[in-house]
């Protein structure tokens, strides 16, 4: 366990998904525009709790930290 504090941002929340494979599966046809790995997407992703596309730097009151080990997978 790290002694670093977890920043309360979407990118560190268990409700947030921004891996390219997940987004490409969810949004059929996204690869026609290149891929979900594109730099234009940066760290944007989907909040599964609020069903919104958000920046990984966004935050809300429903933040729930994801375990560090789970983020590595």
N, C-alpha and C. Protein backbone atom coordinates (compact mmCIF):
# COMPACT_ATOMS: atom_id res chain seq x y z
N UNK A 1 0.85 -1.19 0.00
CA UNK A 1 0.00 0.00 0.00
C UNK A 1 0.88 1.23 0.00
N UNK A 2 0.57 2.17 -0.83
CA UNK A 2 1.36 3.39 -0.95
C UNK A 2 0.94 4.39 0.12
N UNK A 3 1.90 5.22 0.53
CA UNK A 3 1.57 6.26 1.50
C UNK A 3 1.11 7.54 0.81
N UNK A 4 0.98 7.50 -0.52
CA UNK A 4 0.51 8.66 -1.27
C UNK A 4 -1.01 8.76 -1.17
N UNK A 5 -1.51 9.96 -1.00
CA UNK A 5 -2.96 10.17 -0.93
C UNK A 5 -3.56 9.99 -2.33
N UNK A 6 -4.73 9.39 -2.39
CA UNK A 6 -5.43 9.22 -3.66
C UNK A 6 -6.13 10.51 -4.01
N UNK A 7 -5.87 11.02 -5.20
CA UNK A 7 -6.51 12.25 -5.66
C UNK A 7 -7.96 11.92 -6.02
N UNK A 8 -8.89 12.71 -5.51
CA UNK A 8 -10.31 12.48 -5.76
C UNK A 8 -10.70 12.99 -7.14
N UNK A 9 -10.30 12.24 -8.15
CA UNK A 9 -10.62 12.54 -9.54
C UNK A 9 -11.22 11.28 -10.16
N UNK A 10 -11.99 11.46 -11.20
CA UNK A 10 -12.65 10.33 -11.86
C UNK A 10 -11.65 9.23 -12.23
N UNK A 11 -10.47 9.60 -12.68
CA UNK A 11 -9.49 8.60 -13.12
C UNK A 11 -9.10 7.64 -11.99
N UNK A 12 -9.37 7.99 -10.75
CA UNK A 12 -9.05 7.14 -9.60
C UNK A 12 -10.29 6.54 -8.95
N UNK A 13 -11.43 6.62 -9.65
CA UNK A 13 -12.71 6.15 -9.10
C UNK A 13 -13.11 4.80 -9.68
N UNK A 14 -13.71 3.97 -8.85
CA UNK A 14 -14.14 2.64 -9.30
C UNK A 14 -15.27 2.70 -10.32
N UNK A 15 -15.97 3.82 -10.43
CA UNK A 15 -17.08 3.95 -11.38
C UNK A 15 -16.62 4.41 -12.76
N UNK A 16 -15.36 4.75 -12.92
CA UNK A 16 -14.83 5.35 -14.15
C UNK A 16 -14.10 4.31 -14.99
N UNK A 17 -14.43 4.26 -16.26
CA UNK A 17 -13.75 3.35 -17.20
C UNK A 17 -13.23 4.17 -18.37
N UNK A 18 -11.94 4.06 -18.63
CA UNK A 18 -11.40 4.77 -19.79
C UNK A 18 -10.41 3.95 -20.59
N UNK A 19 -10.41 2.63 -20.40
CA UNK A 19 -9.51 1.84 -21.22
C UNK A 19 -10.08 1.71 -22.64
N UNK A 20 -9.20 1.81 -23.62
CA UNK A 20 -9.59 1.86 -25.03
C UNK A 20 -10.44 0.66 -25.44
N UNK A 21 -10.06 -0.54 -25.05
CA UNK A 21 -10.80 -1.74 -25.45
C UNK A 21 -12.25 -1.69 -24.95
N UNK A 22 -12.44 -1.25 -23.72
CA UNK A 22 -13.80 -1.13 -23.16
C UNK A 22 -14.63 -0.12 -23.96
N UNK A 23 -14.06 1.05 -24.22
CA UNK A 23 -14.79 2.09 -24.95
C UNK A 23 -15.09 1.68 -26.39
N UNK A 24 -14.15 1.01 -27.05
CA UNK A 24 -14.37 0.55 -28.42
C UNK A 24 -15.46 -0.51 -28.47
N UNK A 25 -15.56 -1.36 -27.46
CA UNK A 25 -16.62 -2.36 -27.40
C UNK A 25 -17.98 -1.71 -27.14
N UNK A 26 -17.99 -0.70 -26.29
CA UNK A 26 -19.22 -0.02 -25.92
C UNK A 26 -19.76 0.86 -27.05
N UNK A 27 -18.88 1.60 -27.71
CA UNK A 27 -19.28 2.52 -28.77
C UNK A 27 -18.88 1.94 -30.12
N UNK A 28 -19.73 1.10 -30.66
CA UNK A 28 -19.47 0.46 -31.95
C UNK A 28 -19.22 1.54 -33.01
N UNK A 29 -18.23 1.34 -33.84
CA UNK A 29 -17.91 2.31 -34.89
C UNK A 29 -16.88 3.34 -34.47
N UNK A 30 -16.52 3.37 -33.21
CA UNK A 30 -15.54 4.34 -32.73
C UNK A 30 -14.21 4.17 -33.45
N UNK A 31 -13.86 2.95 -33.81
CA UNK A 31 -12.59 2.72 -34.49
C UNK A 31 -12.58 3.28 -35.90
N UNK A 32 -13.73 3.61 -36.46
CA UNK A 32 -13.77 4.24 -37.78
C UNK A 32 -13.14 5.62 -37.73
N UNK A 33 -13.09 6.21 -36.56
CA UNK A 33 -12.49 7.53 -36.38
C UNK A 33 -11.05 7.43 -35.88
N UNK A 34 -10.49 6.27 -35.89
CA UNK A 34 -9.15 5.93 -35.42
C UNK A 34 -9.32 4.89 -34.35
N UNK A 35 -9.15 5.26 -33.09
CA UNK A 35 -9.40 4.31 -32.01
C UNK A 35 -9.63 5.07 -30.72
N UNK A 36 -10.05 4.37 -29.71
CA UNK A 36 -10.25 5.01 -28.40
C UNK A 36 -8.91 5.28 -27.74
N UNK A 37 -7.83 4.84 -28.36
CA UNK A 37 -6.49 5.11 -27.84
C UNK A 37 -5.96 6.45 -28.34
N UNK A 38 -6.71 7.15 -29.15
CA UNK A 38 -6.26 8.39 -29.77
C UNK A 38 -5.94 9.47 -28.74
N UNK A 39 -4.99 10.31 -29.07
CA UNK A 39 -4.57 11.37 -28.15
C UNK A 39 -5.66 12.40 -27.93
N UNK A 40 -6.60 12.52 -28.86
CA UNK A 40 -7.69 13.50 -28.69
C UNK A 40 -8.60 13.13 -27.53
N UNK A 41 -8.65 11.84 -27.17
CA UNK A 41 -9.47 11.40 -26.04
C UNK A 41 -8.77 11.67 -24.72
N UNK A 42 -7.47 11.74 -24.74
CA UNK A 42 -6.66 11.98 -23.54
C UNK A 42 -7.05 11.00 -22.44
N UNK A 43 -7.52 11.50 -21.32
CA UNK A 43 -7.89 10.62 -20.20
C UNK A 43 -9.41 10.60 -19.99
N UNK A 44 -10.17 11.02 -21.02
CA UNK A 44 -11.63 10.99 -20.92
C UNK A 44 -12.10 9.55 -20.81
N UNK A 45 -13.25 9.37 -20.20
CA UNK A 45 -13.82 8.04 -20.08
C UNK A 45 -15.27 8.10 -19.69
N UNK A 46 -15.82 6.97 -19.36
CA UNK A 46 -17.24 6.85 -19.03
C UNK A 46 -17.41 6.64 -17.54
N UNK A 47 -18.27 7.48 -16.94
CA UNK A 47 -18.66 7.27 -15.55
C UNK A 47 -19.85 6.31 -15.59
N UNK A 48 -19.65 5.12 -15.06
CA UNK A 48 -20.72 4.12 -15.06
C UNK A 48 -21.84 4.48 -14.09
N UNK A 49 -21.53 5.25 -13.09
CA UNK A 49 -22.54 5.66 -12.10
C UNK A 49 -23.49 6.71 -12.67
N UNK A 50 -22.94 7.69 -13.39
CA UNK A 50 -23.75 8.79 -13.91
C UNK A 50 -24.01 8.69 -15.41
N UNK A 51 -23.43 7.66 -16.07
CA UNK A 51 -23.61 7.44 -17.49
C UNK A 51 -23.26 8.68 -18.30
N UNK A 52 -22.06 9.21 -18.03
CA UNK A 52 -21.58 10.40 -18.74
C UNK A 52 -20.13 10.20 -19.15
N UNK A 53 -19.78 10.79 -20.28
CA UNK A 53 -18.38 10.86 -20.70
C UNK A 53 -17.78 12.06 -19.99
N UNK A 54 -16.69 11.85 -19.28
CA UNK A 54 -16.07 12.91 -18.49
C UNK A 54 -14.55 12.88 -18.63
N UNK A 55 -13.94 13.96 -18.28
CA UNK A 55 -12.49 14.02 -18.17
C UNK A 55 -12.07 13.21 -16.95
N UNK A 56 -10.91 12.60 -17.04
CA UNK A 56 -10.37 11.87 -15.90
C UNK A 56 -10.05 12.77 -14.73
N UNK A 57 -10.01 14.08 -14.97
CA UNK A 57 -9.71 15.05 -13.91
C UNK A 57 -10.96 15.59 -13.23
N UNK A 58 -12.14 15.19 -13.73
CA UNK A 58 -13.39 15.63 -13.11
C UNK A 58 -13.54 14.94 -11.75
N UNK A 59 -14.55 15.34 -10.99
CA UNK A 59 -14.79 14.75 -9.68
C UNK A 59 -16.24 15.00 -9.28
N UNK A 60 -16.73 14.17 -8.36
CA UNK A 60 -18.08 14.38 -7.84
C UNK A 60 -18.17 13.79 -6.43
N UNK A 61 -19.31 13.98 -5.80
CA UNK A 61 -19.53 13.51 -4.43
C UNK A 61 -19.63 11.99 -4.34
N UNK A 62 -19.83 11.30 -5.46
CA UNK A 62 -19.96 9.84 -5.45
C UNK A 62 -18.63 9.13 -5.65
N UNK A 63 -17.53 9.86 -5.54
CA UNK A 63 -16.19 9.28 -5.72
C UNK A 63 -16.00 8.09 -4.79
N UNK A 64 -15.48 7.01 -5.35
CA UNK A 64 -15.15 5.82 -4.56
C UNK A 64 -13.81 5.30 -5.09
N UNK A 65 -12.80 5.43 -4.28
CA UNK A 65 -11.44 5.09 -4.73
C UNK A 65 -11.32 3.64 -5.17
N UNK A 66 -10.64 3.46 -6.29
CA UNK A 66 -10.35 2.11 -6.79
C UNK A 66 -9.05 1.66 -6.12
N UNK A 67 -8.95 0.39 -5.84
CA UNK A 67 -7.74 -0.15 -5.23
C UNK A 67 -6.58 -0.05 -6.21
N UNK A 68 -5.40 0.28 -5.73
CA UNK A 68 -4.22 0.45 -6.57
C UNK A 68 -3.92 -0.83 -7.37
N UNK A 69 -4.07 -1.99 -6.77
CA UNK A 69 -3.79 -3.24 -7.46
C UNK A 69 -4.73 -3.47 -8.63
N UNK A 70 -5.99 -3.04 -8.48
CA UNK A 70 -6.97 -3.21 -9.54
C UNK A 70 -6.66 -2.32 -10.73
N UNK A 71 -6.08 -1.15 -10.50
CA UNK A 71 -5.75 -0.23 -11.59
C UNK A 71 -4.61 -0.77 -12.44
N UNK A 72 -3.75 -1.60 -11.88
CA UNK A 72 -2.62 -2.14 -12.61
C UNK A 72 -3.07 -3.16 -13.64
N UNK A 73 -4.14 -3.90 -13.35
CA UNK A 73 -4.61 -4.97 -14.22
C UNK A 73 -5.07 -4.51 -15.56
